Amino acid sequence: MKKGIEKGSVQHLIIQIISIIIAGLIIFPLCDFLFCKILQNTNFVYSVNDHIIEPIIFGVIAGLIFWTLDKKSVKKAQK
């Protein structure tokens, strides 16, 4: 009996997408804040579209791409 989540499984896809979304929701606004304050010397304005919607879309797309690559590598390893 195998323990854990196998690469290429749907559970792996869901966890990967959620992880990337959470990282994006934390890292992207922080980097944008630092960019505004240090390099541009302007005020930081938090917007729903830029700091919530875009990281979610990026997380779903990146998660699907990484999952597809993982699934292909698992199939090659099994052959």
PDB file of N, CA and C in Angstrom:
ATOM      1  N   MET A   1       0.835  -1.176   0.000  1.00  0.00           N
ATOM      2  CA  MET A   1       0.000   0.000   0.000  1.00  0.00           C
ATOM      3  C   MET A   1       0.882   1.243   0.000  1.00  0.00           C
ATOM      4  N   LYS A   2       0.617   2.135  -0.936  1.00  0.00           N
ATOM      5  CA  LYS A   2       1.409   3.360  -1.046  1.00  0.00           C
ATOM      6  C   LYS A   2       0.823   4.443  -0.161  1.00  0.00           C
ATOM      7  N   LYS A   3       1.703   5.189   0.464  1.00  0.00           N
ATOM      8  CA  LYS A   3       1.291   6.313   1.287  1.00  0.00           C
ATOM      9  C   LYS A   3       1.661   7.599   0.572  1.00  0.00           C
ATOM     10  N   GLY A   4       0.878   8.615   0.770  1.00  0.00           N
ATOM     11  CA  GLY A   4       1.170   9.905   0.165  1.00  0.00           C
ATOM     12  C   GLY A   4       0.429  10.099  -1.142  1.00  0.00           C
ATOM     13  N   ILE A   5       0.776  11.167  -1.791  1.00  0.00           N
ATOM     14  CA  ILE A   5       0.128  11.533  -3.041  1.00  0.00           C
ATOM     15  C   ILE A   5       1.098  11.270  -4.184  1.00  0.00           C
ATOM     16  N   GLU A   6       0.631  10.554  -5.185  1.00  0.00           N
ATOM     17  CA  GLU A   6       1.470  10.218  -6.325  1.00  0.00           C
ATOM     18  C   GLU A   6       1.540  11.381  -7.305  1.00  0.00           C
ATOM     19  N   LYS A   7       2.705  11.527  -7.933  1.00  0.00           N
ATOM     20  CA  LYS A   7       2.845  12.544  -8.969  1.00  0.00           C
ATOM     21  C   LYS A   7       1.944  12.191 -10.135  1.00  0.00           C
ATOM     22  N   GLY A   8       1.319  13.193 -10.705  1.00  0.00           N
ATOM     23  CA  GLY A   8       0.452  12.967 -11.849  1.00  0.00           C
ATOM     24  C   GLY A   8      -0.985  12.657 -11.491  1.00  0.00           C
ATOM     25  N   SER A   9      -1.293  12.540 -10.201  1.00  0.00           N
ATOM     26  CA  SER A   9      -2.673  12.260  -9.797  1.00  0.00           C
ATOM     27  C   SER A   9      -3.462  13.568  -9.697  1.00  0.00           C
ATOM     28  N   VAL A  10      -4.772  13.437  -9.645  1.00  0.00           N
ATOM     29  CA  VAL A  10      -5.632  14.619  -9.540  1.00  0.00           C
ATOM     30  C   VAL A  10      -5.420  15.313  -8.193  1.00  0.00           C
ATOM     31  N   GLN A  11      -5.161  14.544  -7.147  1.00  0.00           N
ATOM     32  CA  GLN A  11      -4.882  15.138  -5.834  1.00  0.00           C
ATOM     33  C   GLN A  11      -3.622  15.997  -5.901  1.00  0.00           C
ATOM     34  N   HIS A  12      -2.637  15.503  -6.634  1.00  0.00           N
ATOM     35  CA  HIS A  12      -1.395  16.245  -6.808  1.00  0.00           C
ATOM     36  C   HIS A  12      -1.668  17.556  -7.546  1.00  0.00           C
ATOM     37  N   LEU A  13      -2.537  17.516  -8.552  1.00  0.00           N
ATOM     38  CA  LEU A  13      -2.909  18.716  -9.301  1.00  0.00           C
ATOM     39  C   LEU A  13      -3.566  19.746  -8.392  1.00  0.00           C
ATOM     40  N   ILE A  14      -4.512  19.318  -7.593  1.00  0.00           N
ATOM     41  CA  ILE A  14      -5.237  20.241  -6.712  1.00  0.00           C
ATOM     42  C   ILE A  14      -4.309  20.868  -5.685  1.00  0.00           C
ATOM     43  N   ILE A  15      -3.462  20.069  -5.077  1.00  0.00           N
ATOM     44  CA  ILE A  15      -2.530  20.590  -4.080  1.00  0.00           C
ATOM     45  C   ILE A  15      -1.528  21.540  -4.719  1.00  0.00           C
ATOM     46  N   GLN A  16      -1.075  21.211  -5.907  1.00  0.00           N
ATOM     47  CA  GLN A  16      -0.119  22.061  -6.600  1.00  0.00           C
ATOM     48  C   GLN A  16      -0.746  23.406  -6.963  1.00  0.00           C
ATOM     49  N   ILE A  17      -1.969  23.398  -7.473  1.00  0.00           N
ATOM     50  CA  ILE A  17      -2.643  24.649  -7.827  1.00  0.00           C
ATOM     51  C   ILE A  17      -2.868  25.503  -6.587  1.00  0.00           C
ATOM     52  N   ILE A  18      -3.336  24.910  -5.505  1.00  0.00           N
ATOM     53  CA  ILE A  18      -3.585  25.665  -4.272  1.00  0.00           C
ATOM     54  C   ILE A  18      -2.288  26.243  -3.716  1.00  0.00           C
ATOM     55  N   SER A  19      -1.210  25.476  -3.766  1.00  0.00           N
ATOM     56  CA  SER A  19       0.087  25.961  -3.267  1.00  0.00           C
ATOM     57  C   SER A  19       0.587  27.147  -4.070  1.00  0.00           C
ATOM     58  N   ILE A  20       0.475  27.063  -5.385  1.00  0.00           N
ATOM     59  CA  ILE A  20       0.937  28.166  -6.233  1.00  0.00           C
ATOM     60  C   ILE A  20       0.072  29.402  -6.026  1.00  0.00           C
ATOM     61  N   ILE A  21      -1.233  29.216  -5.870  1.00  0.00           N
ATOM     62  CA  ILE A  21      -2.123  30.353  -5.627  1.00  0.00           C
ATOM     63  C   ILE A  21      -1.780  31.039  -4.309  1.00  0.00           C
ATOM     64  N   ILE A  22      -1.576  30.269  -3.250  1.00  0.00           N
ATOM     65  CA  ILE A  22      -1.245  30.861  -1.947  1.00  0.00           C
ATOM     66  C   ILE A  22       0.083  31.597  -2.012  1.00  0.00           C
ATOM     67  N   ALA A  23       1.073  30.993  -2.662  1.00  0.00           N
ATOM     68  CA  ALA A  23       2.369  31.661  -2.807  1.00  0.00           C
ATOM     69  C   ALA A  23       2.228  32.944  -3.617  1.00  0.00           C
ATOM     70  N   GLY A  24       1.422  32.901  -4.675  1.00  0.00           N
ATOM     71  CA  GLY A  24       1.213  34.092  -5.490  1.00  0.00           C
ATOM     72  C   GLY A  24       0.498  35.195  -4.748  1.00  0.00           C
ATOM     73  N   LEU A  25      -0.478  34.820  -3.914  1.00  0.00           N
ATOM     74  CA  LEU A  25      -1.214  35.827  -3.145  1.00  0.00           C
ATOM     75  C   LEU A  25      -0.333  36.503  -2.096  1.00  0.00           C
ATOM     76  N   ILE A  26       0.724  35.836  -1.679  1.00  0.00           N
ATOM     77  CA  ILE A  26       1.641  36.421  -0.698  1.00  0.00           C
ATOM     78  C   ILE A  26       2.791  37.153  -1.378  1.00  0.00           C
ATOM     79  N   ILE A  27       3.420  36.502  -2.344  1.00  0.00           N
ATOM     80  CA  ILE A  27       4.646  37.036  -2.945  1.00  0.00           C
ATOM     81  C   ILE A  27       4.385  38.198  -3.896  1.00  0.00           C
ATOM     82  N   PHE A  28       3.363  38.096  -4.754  1.00  0.00           N
ATOM     83  CA  PHE A  28       3.139  39.128  -5.757  1.00  0.00           C
ATOM     84  C   PHE A  28       2.860  40.508  -5.152  1.00  0.00           C
ATOM     85  N   PRO A  29       1.934  40.639  -4.195  1.00  0.00           N
ATOM     86  CA  PRO A  29       1.735  41.982  -3.603  1.00  0.00           C
ATOM     87  C   PRO A  29       2.968  42.490  -2.859  1.00  0.00           C
ATOM     88  N   LEU A  30       3.699  41.590  -2.220  1.00  0.00           N
ATOM     89  CA  LEU A  30       4.911  42.001  -1.512  1.00  0.00           C
ATOM     90  C   LEU A  30       5.952  42.547  -2.480  1.00  0.00           C
ATOM     91  N   CYS A  31       6.164  41.850  -3.592  1.00  0.00           N
ATOM     92  CA  CYS A  31       7.117  42.330  -4.594  1.00  0.00           C
ATOM     93  C   CYS A  31       6.643  43.636  -5.237  1.00  0.00           C
ATOM     94  N   ASP A  32       5.347  43.744  -5.480  1.00  0.00           N
ATOM     95  CA  ASP A  32       4.794  44.971  -6.045  1.00  0.00           C
ATOM     96  C   ASP A  32       4.963  46.139  -5.072  1.00  0.00           C
ATOM     97  N   PHE A  33       4.744  45.876  -3.786  1.00  0.00           N
ATOM     98  CA  PHE A  33       4.938  46.908  -2.756  1.00  0.00           C
ATOM     99  C   PHE A  33       6.390  47.387  -2.737  1.00  0.00           C
ATOM    100  N   LEU A  34       7.329  46.433  -2.732  1.00  0.00           N
ATOM    101  CA  LEU A  34       8.742  46.800  -2.714  1.00  0.00           C
ATOM    102  C   LEU A  34       9.140  47.542  -3.979  1.00  0.00           C
ATOM    103  N   PHE A  35       8.618  47.118  -5.118  1.00  0.00           N
ATOM    104  CA  PHE A  35       8.909  47.784  -6.384  1.00  0.00           C
ATOM    105  C   PHE A  35       8.417  49.227  -6.363  1.00  0.00           C
ATOM    106  N   CYS A  36       7.194  49.428  -5.866  1.00  0.00           N
ATOM    107  CA  CYS A  36       6.644  50.796  -5.804  1.00  0.00           C
ATOM    108  C   CYS A  36       7.428  51.678  -4.845  1.00  0.00           C
ATOM    109  N   LYS A  37       7.745  51.152  -3.680  1.00  0.00           N
ATOM    110  CA  LYS A  37       8.406  51.962  -2.655  1.00  0.00           C
ATOM    111  C   LYS A  37       9.879  52.213  -2.949  1.00  0.00           C
ATOM    112  N   ILE A  38      10.603  51.201  -3.407  1.00  0.00           N
ATOM    113  CA  ILE A  38      12.057  51.338  -3.565  1.00  0.00           C
ATOM    114  C   ILE A  38      12.450  51.887  -4.932  1.00  0.00           C
ATOM    115  N   LEU A  39      11.909  51.296  -5.993  1.00  0.00           N
ATOM    116  CA  LEU A  39      12.364  51.682  -7.321  1.00  0.00           C
ATOM    117  C   LEU A  39      11.596  52.866  -7.913  1.00  0.00           C
ATOM    118  N   GLN A  40      10.286  52.874  -7.767  1.00  0.00           N
ATOM    119  CA  GLN A  40       9.500  53.942  -8.373  1.00  0.00           C
ATOM    120  C   GLN A  40       9.248  55.111  -7.429  1.00  0.00           C
ATOM    121  N   ASN A  41       9.405  54.885  -6.143  1.00  0.00           N
ATOM    122  CA  ASN A  41       9.171  55.912  -5.132  1.00  0.00           C
ATOM    123  C   ASN A  41       7.755  56.480  -5.214  1.00  0.00           C
ATOM    124  N   THR A  42       6.762  55.571  -5.403  1.00  0.00           N
ATOM    125  CA  THR A  42       5.353  55.959  -5.477  1.00  0.00           C
ATOM    126  C   THR A  42       4.577  55.239  -4.382  1.00  0.00           C
ATOM    127  N   ASN A  43       3.323  55.605  -4.225  1.00  0.00           N
ATOM    128  CA  ASN A  43       2.465  54.944  -3.252  1.00  0.00           C
ATOM    129  C   ASN A  43       1.990  53.606  -3.795  1.00  0.00           C
ATOM    130  N   PHE A  44       1.884  52.641  -2.916  1.00  0.00           N
ATOM    131  CA  PHE A  44       1.385  51.319  -3.271  1.00  0.00           C
ATOM    132  C   PHE A  44      -0.133  51.320  -3.145  1.00  0.00           C
ATOM    133  N   VAL A  45      -0.816  50.867  -4.200  1.00  0.00           N
ATOM    134  CA  VAL A  45      -2.274  50.786  -4.198  1.00  0.00           C
ATOM    135  C   VAL A  45      -2.649  49.329  -4.423  1.00  0.00           C
ATOM    136  N   TYR A  46      -3.342  48.748  -3.434  1.00  0.00           N
ATOM    137  CA  TYR A  46      -3.769  47.350  -3.508  1.00  0.00           C
ATOM    138  C   TYR A  46      -5.063  47.274  -4.303  1.00  0.00           C
ATOM    139  N   SER A  47      -5.089  46.447  -5.346  1.00  0.00           N
ATOM    140  CA  SER A  47      -6.315  46.293  -6.123  1.00  0.00           C
ATOM    141  C   SER A  47      -6.690  44.812  -6.202  1.00  0.00           C
ATOM    142  N   VAL A  48      -7.971  44.551  -6.230  1.00  0.00           N
ATOM    143  CA  VAL A  48      -8.468  43.176  -6.256  1.00  0.00           C
ATOM    144  C   VAL A  48      -8.021  42.471  -7.531  1.00  0.00           C
ATOM    145  N   ASN A  49      -8.134  43.150  -8.655  1.00  0.00           N
ATOM    146  CA  ASN A  49      -7.783  42.522  -9.923  1.00  0.00           C
ATOM    147  C   ASN A  49      -6.299  42.178  -9.991  1.00  0.00           C
ATOM    148  N   ASP A  50      -5.449  43.131  -9.633  1.00  0.00           N
ATOM    149  CA  ASP A  50      -4.007  42.920  -9.757  1.00  0.00           C
ATOM    150  C   ASP A  50      -3.433  41.975  -8.705  1.00  0.00           C
ATOM    151  N   HIS A  51      -3.958  42.007  -7.495  1.00  0.00           N
ATOM    152  CA  HIS A  51      -3.326  41.278  -6.407  1.00  0.00           C
ATOM    153  C   HIS A  51      -4.098  40.050  -5.927  1.00  0.00           C
ATOM    154  N   ILE A  52      -5.288  39.805  -6.469  1.00  0.00           N
ATOM    155  CA  ILE A  52      -6.040  38.601  -6.103  1.00  0.00           C
ATOM    156  C   ILE A  52      -6.384  37.778  -7.341  1.00  0.00           C
ATOM    157  N   ILE A  53      -7.016  38.385  -8.317  1.00  0.00           N
ATOM    158  CA  ILE A  53      -7.475  37.661  -9.505  1.00  0.00           C
ATOM    159  C   ILE A  53      -6.303  37.149 -10.343  1.00  0.00           C
ATOM    160  N   GLU A  54      -5.334  38.000 -10.624  1.00  0.00           N
ATOM    161  CA  GLU A  54      -4.199  37.586 -11.455  1.00  0.00           C
ATOM    162  C   GLU A  54      -3.381  36.453 -10.836  1.00  0.00           C
ATOM    163  N   PRO A  55      -3.055  36.466  -9.525  1.00  0.00           N
ATOM    164  CA  PRO A  55      -2.341  35.319  -8.955  1.00  0.00           C
ATOM    165  C   PRO A  55      -3.161  34.022  -9.000  1.00  0.00           C
ATOM    166  N   ILE A  56      -4.488  34.125  -8.886  1.00  0.00           N
ATOM    167  CA  ILE A  56      -5.321  32.924  -8.963  1.00  0.00           C
ATOM    168  C   ILE A  56      -5.272  32.346 -10.375  1.00  0.00           C
ATOM    169  N   ILE A  57      -5.410  33.210 -11.378  1.00  0.00           N
ATOM    170  CA  ILE A  57      -5.337  32.738 -12.770  1.00  0.00           C
ATOM    171  C   ILE A  57      -3.961  32.164 -13.064  1.00  0.00           C
ATOM    172  N   PHE A  58      -2.911  32.847 -12.616  1.00  0.00           N
ATOM    173  CA  PHE A  58      -1.558  32.350 -12.815  1.00  0.00           C
ATOM    174  C   PHE A  58      -1.359  31.007 -12.120  1.00  0.00           C
ATOM    175  N   GLY A  59      -1.889  30.856 -10.914  1.00  0.00           N
ATOM    176  CA  GLY A  59      -1.750  29.607 -10.172  1.00  0.00           C
ATOM    177  C   GLY A  59      -2.408  28.430 -10.873  1.00  0.00           C
ATOM    178  N   VAL A  60      -3.586  28.655 -11.430  1.00  0.00           N
ATOM    179  CA  VAL A  60      -4.287  27.583 -12.142  1.00  0.00           C
ATOM    180  C   VAL A  60      -3.518  27.187 -13.398  1.00  0.00           C
ATOM    181  N   ILE A  61      -3.078  28.174 -14.171  1.00  0.00           N
ATOM    182  CA  ILE A  61      -2.352  27.874 -15.410  1.00  0.00           C
ATOM    183  C   ILE A  61      -1.015  27.209 -15.118  1.00  0.00           C
ATOM    184  N   ALA A  62      -0.253  27.757 -14.184  1.00  0.00           N
ATOM    185  CA  ALA A  62       1.051  27.177 -13.848  1.00  0.00           C
ATOM    186  C   ALA A  62       0.901  25.781 -13.249  1.00  0.00           C
ATOM    187  N   GLY A  63      -0.111  25.600 -12.400  1.00  0.00           N
ATOM    188  CA  GLY A  63      -0.353  24.282 -11.818  1.00  0.00           C
ATOM    189  C   GLY A  63      -0.676  23.242 -12.874  1.00  0.00           C
ATOM    190  N   LEU A  64      -1.502  23.609 -13.841  1.00  0.00           N
ATOM    191  CA  LEU A  64      -1.833  22.678 -14.924  1.00  0.00           C
ATOM    192  C   LEU A  64      -0.613  22.339 -15.774  1.00  0.00           C
ATOM    193  N   ILE A  65       0.214  23.334 -16.058  1.00  0.00           N
ATOM    194  CA  ILE A  65       1.420  23.087 -16.856  1.00  0.00           C
ATOM    195  C   ILE A  65       2.376  22.174 -16.105  1.00  0.00           C
ATOM    196  N   PHE A  66       2.658  22.474 -14.838  1.00  0.00           N
ATOM    197  CA  PHE A  66       3.571  21.640 -14.051  1.00  0.00           C
ATOM    198  C   PHE A  66       3.028  20.227 -13.868  1.00  0.00           C
ATOM    199  N   TRP A  67       1.712  20.104 -13.664  1.00  0.00           N
ATOM    200  CA  TRP A  67       1.087  18.799 -13.495  1.00  0.00           C
ATOM    201  C   TRP A  67       1.199  17.970 -14.771  1.00  0.00           C
ATOM    202  N   THR A  68       0.988  18.615 -15.921  1.00  0.00           N
ATOM    203  CA  THR A  68       1.116  17.919 -17.200  1.00  0.00           C
ATOM    204  C   THR A  68       2.541  17.421 -17.406  1.00  0.00           C
ATOM    205  N   LEU A  69       3.520  18.257 -17.074  1.00  0.00           N
ATOM    206  CA  LEU A  69       4.911  17.839 -17.200  1.00  0.00           C
ATOM    207  C   LEU A  69       5.232  16.690 -16.245  1.00  0.00           C
ATOM    208  N   ASP A  70       4.720  16.751 -15.019  1.00  0.00           N
ATOM    209  CA  ASP A  70       4.929  15.670 -14.057  1.00  0.00           C
ATOM    210  C   ASP A  70       4.284  14.375 -14.535  1.00  0.00           C
ATOM    211  N   LYS A  71       3.097  14.484 -15.089  1.00  0.00           N
ATOM    212  CA  LYS A  71       2.379  13.304 -15.561  1.00  0.00           C
ATOM    213  C   LYS A  71       3.140  12.638 -16.710  1.00  0.00           C
ATOM    214  N   LYS A  72       3.695  13.447 -17.612  1.00  0.00           N
ATOM    215  CA  LYS A  72       4.482  12.892 -18.720  1.00  0.00           C
ATOM    216  C   LYS A  72       5.753  12.225 -18.209  1.00  0.00           C
ATOM    217  N   SER A  73       6.397  12.812 -17.209  1.00  0.00           N
ATOM    218  CA  SER A  73       7.628  12.215 -16.688  1.00  0.00           C
ATOM    219  C   SER A  73       7.349  10.920 -15.949  1.00  0.00           C
ATOM    220  N   VAL A  74       6.186  10.822 -15.294  1.00  0.00           N
ATOM    221  CA  VAL A  74       5.811   9.575 -14.611  1.00  0.00           C
ATOM    222  C   VAL A  74       5.549   8.487 -15.642  1.00  0.00           C
ATOM    223  N   LYS A  75       4.884   8.827 -16.734  1.00  0.00           N
ATOM    224  CA  LYS A  75       4.613   7.828 -17.782  1.00  0.00           C
ATOM    225  C   LYS A  75       5.902   7.326 -18.413  1.00  0.00           C
ATOM    226  N   LYS A  76       6.869   8.225 -18.628  1.00  0.00           N
ATOM    227  CA  LYS A  76       8.160   7.821 -19.206  1.00  0.00           C
ATOM    228  C   LYS A  76       8.920   6.936 -18.240  1.00  0.00           C
ATOM    229  N   ALA A  77       8.837   7.215 -16.957  1.00  0.00           N
ATOM    230  CA  ALA A  77       9.550   6.423 -15.953  1.00  0.00           C
ATOM    231  C   ALA A  77       8.941   5.029 -15.818  1.00  0.00           C
ATOM    232  N   GLN A  78       7.654   4.897 -16.067  1.00  0.00           N
ATOM    233  CA  GLN A  78       7.003   3.590 -15.933  1.00  0.00           C
ATOM    234  C   GLN A  78       7.313   2.686 -17.110  1.00  0.00           C
ATOM    235  N   LYS A  79       7.689   3.243 -18.255  1.00  0.00           N
ATOM    236  CA  LYS A  79       7.958   2.424 -19.441  1.00  0.00           C
ATOM    237  C   LYS A  79       9.278   1.761 -19.385  1.00  0.00           C
TER     238      LYS A  79
END
